[in-house]
Amino acid sequence: MNFREVVKRYAALAEGFGGPVALSAFGLSVRETENLFGSFDEDYQISRYLHFSCSEGETFYISGENVTHIAIDEGVDSLL
């Protein structure tokens, strides 16, 4: 899954931008989720639009943090 596909899927799941979506909703394995979102979080141009949080749900370890959800800012369009 590339970044464009992740943003498209996120927008569908969140019904827009800015709201939290469980990382498990992307349907990837734990390893795939951690690798994919970890690589996006390491890219400054991308990471400034990503906001990870930890609440109830399946936990993933991304960039040294336990997280369950992601929110993506609407401004991410400029990268696509």
Protein backbone atom coordinates (compact mmCIF):
# COMPACT_ATOMS: atom_id res chain seq x y z
CA MET A 1 0.00 0.00 0.00
CA ASN A 2 1.50 3.34 -0.98
CA PHE A 3 0.88 6.69 0.73
CA ARG A 4 -1.83 7.78 -1.71
CA GLU A 5 -3.74 4.53 -1.07
CA VAL A 6 -3.38 4.97 2.71
CA VAL A 7 -4.76 8.53 2.54
CA LYS A 8 -7.65 7.43 0.33
CA ARG A 9 -8.50 4.55 2.67
CA TYR A 10 -8.16 6.80 5.72
CA ALA A 11 -10.50 9.41 4.23
CA ALA A 12 -13.10 6.73 3.51
CA LEU A 13 -12.86 5.26 7.01
CA ALA A 14 -12.90 8.66 8.74
CA GLU A 15 -15.49 10.08 6.35
CA GLY A 16 -13.18 13.02 5.76
CA PHE A 17 -10.02 14.21 7.47
CA GLY A 18 -8.94 14.95 11.02
CA GLY A 19 -10.79 12.24 12.93
CA PRO A 20 -9.08 9.25 14.53
CA VAL A 21 -9.17 5.90 12.75
CA ALA A 22 -8.00 2.64 14.30
CA LEU A 23 -4.85 1.41 12.61
CA SER A 24 -6.33 -2.08 12.66
CA ALA A 25 -9.06 -0.84 10.28
CA PHE A 26 -6.51 -0.75 7.45
CA GLY A 27 -6.57 -4.56 7.40
CA LEU A 28 -2.82 -5.13 7.51
CA SER A 29 -0.85 -7.47 9.74
CA VAL A 30 0.84 -6.03 12.83
CA ARG A 31 4.24 -6.12 11.13
CA GLU A 32 2.93 -4.52 7.92
CA THR A 33 1.14 -1.80 9.88
CA GLU A 34 4.18 -0.98 12.00
CA ASN A 35 6.54 -0.96 9.01
CA LEU A 36 4.26 1.05 6.73
CA PHE A 37 3.18 3.72 9.20
CA GLY A 38 6.65 3.80 10.77
CA SER A 39 8.20 4.63 7.41
CA PHE A 40 5.66 7.41 6.84
CA ASP A 41 6.33 8.79 10.32
CA GLU A 42 10.07 8.95 9.55
CA ASP A 43 9.48 11.13 6.48
CA TYR A 44 9.26 14.77 7.60
CA GLN A 45 7.15 15.86 4.62
CA ILE A 46 4.56 13.20 5.43
CA SER A 47 4.79 12.99 9.23
CA ARG A 48 3.69 16.58 9.82
CA TYR A 49 0.22 15.58 8.59
CA LEU A 50 0.01 12.41 10.70
CA HIS A 51 -1.14 12.34 14.31
CA PHE A 52 -0.93 9.07 16.21
CA SER A 53 -2.79 8.46 19.44
CA CYS A 54 -3.27 5.65 21.92
CA SER A 55 -6.66 4.67 23.24
CA GLU A 56 -8.65 1.45 23.27
CA GLY A 57 -7.99 -1.08 20.56
CA GLU A 58 -5.19 -3.10 19.04
CA THR A 59 -1.83 -1.53 19.85
CA PHE A 60 1.00 -1.04 17.38
CA TYR A 61 4.57 0.08 18.05
CA ILE A 62 5.43 2.96 15.73
CA SER A 63 8.48 5.20 16.05
CA GLY A 64 9.07 4.17 19.63
CA GLU A 65 5.48 4.70 20.77
CA ASN A 66 2.50 2.46 21.40
CA VAL A 67 -0.36 3.72 19.25
CA THR A 68 -3.83 2.56 18.28
CA HIS A 69 -5.19 5.31 16.03
CA ILE A 70 -4.15 7.77 13.37
CA ALA A 71 -5.60 11.10 12.28
CA ILE A 72 -4.50 12.72 9.04
CA ASP A 73 -4.78 16.45 8.38
CA GLU A 74 -6.67 17.61 5.32
CA GLY A 75 -3.61 19.52 4.06
CA VAL A 76 -2.03 16.21 3.10
CA ASP A 77 -3.52 16.78 -0.39
CA SER A 78 -0.48 18.91 -1.18
CA LEU A 79 1.69 15.77 -1.13
CA LEU A 80 -0.47 13.67 -3.40
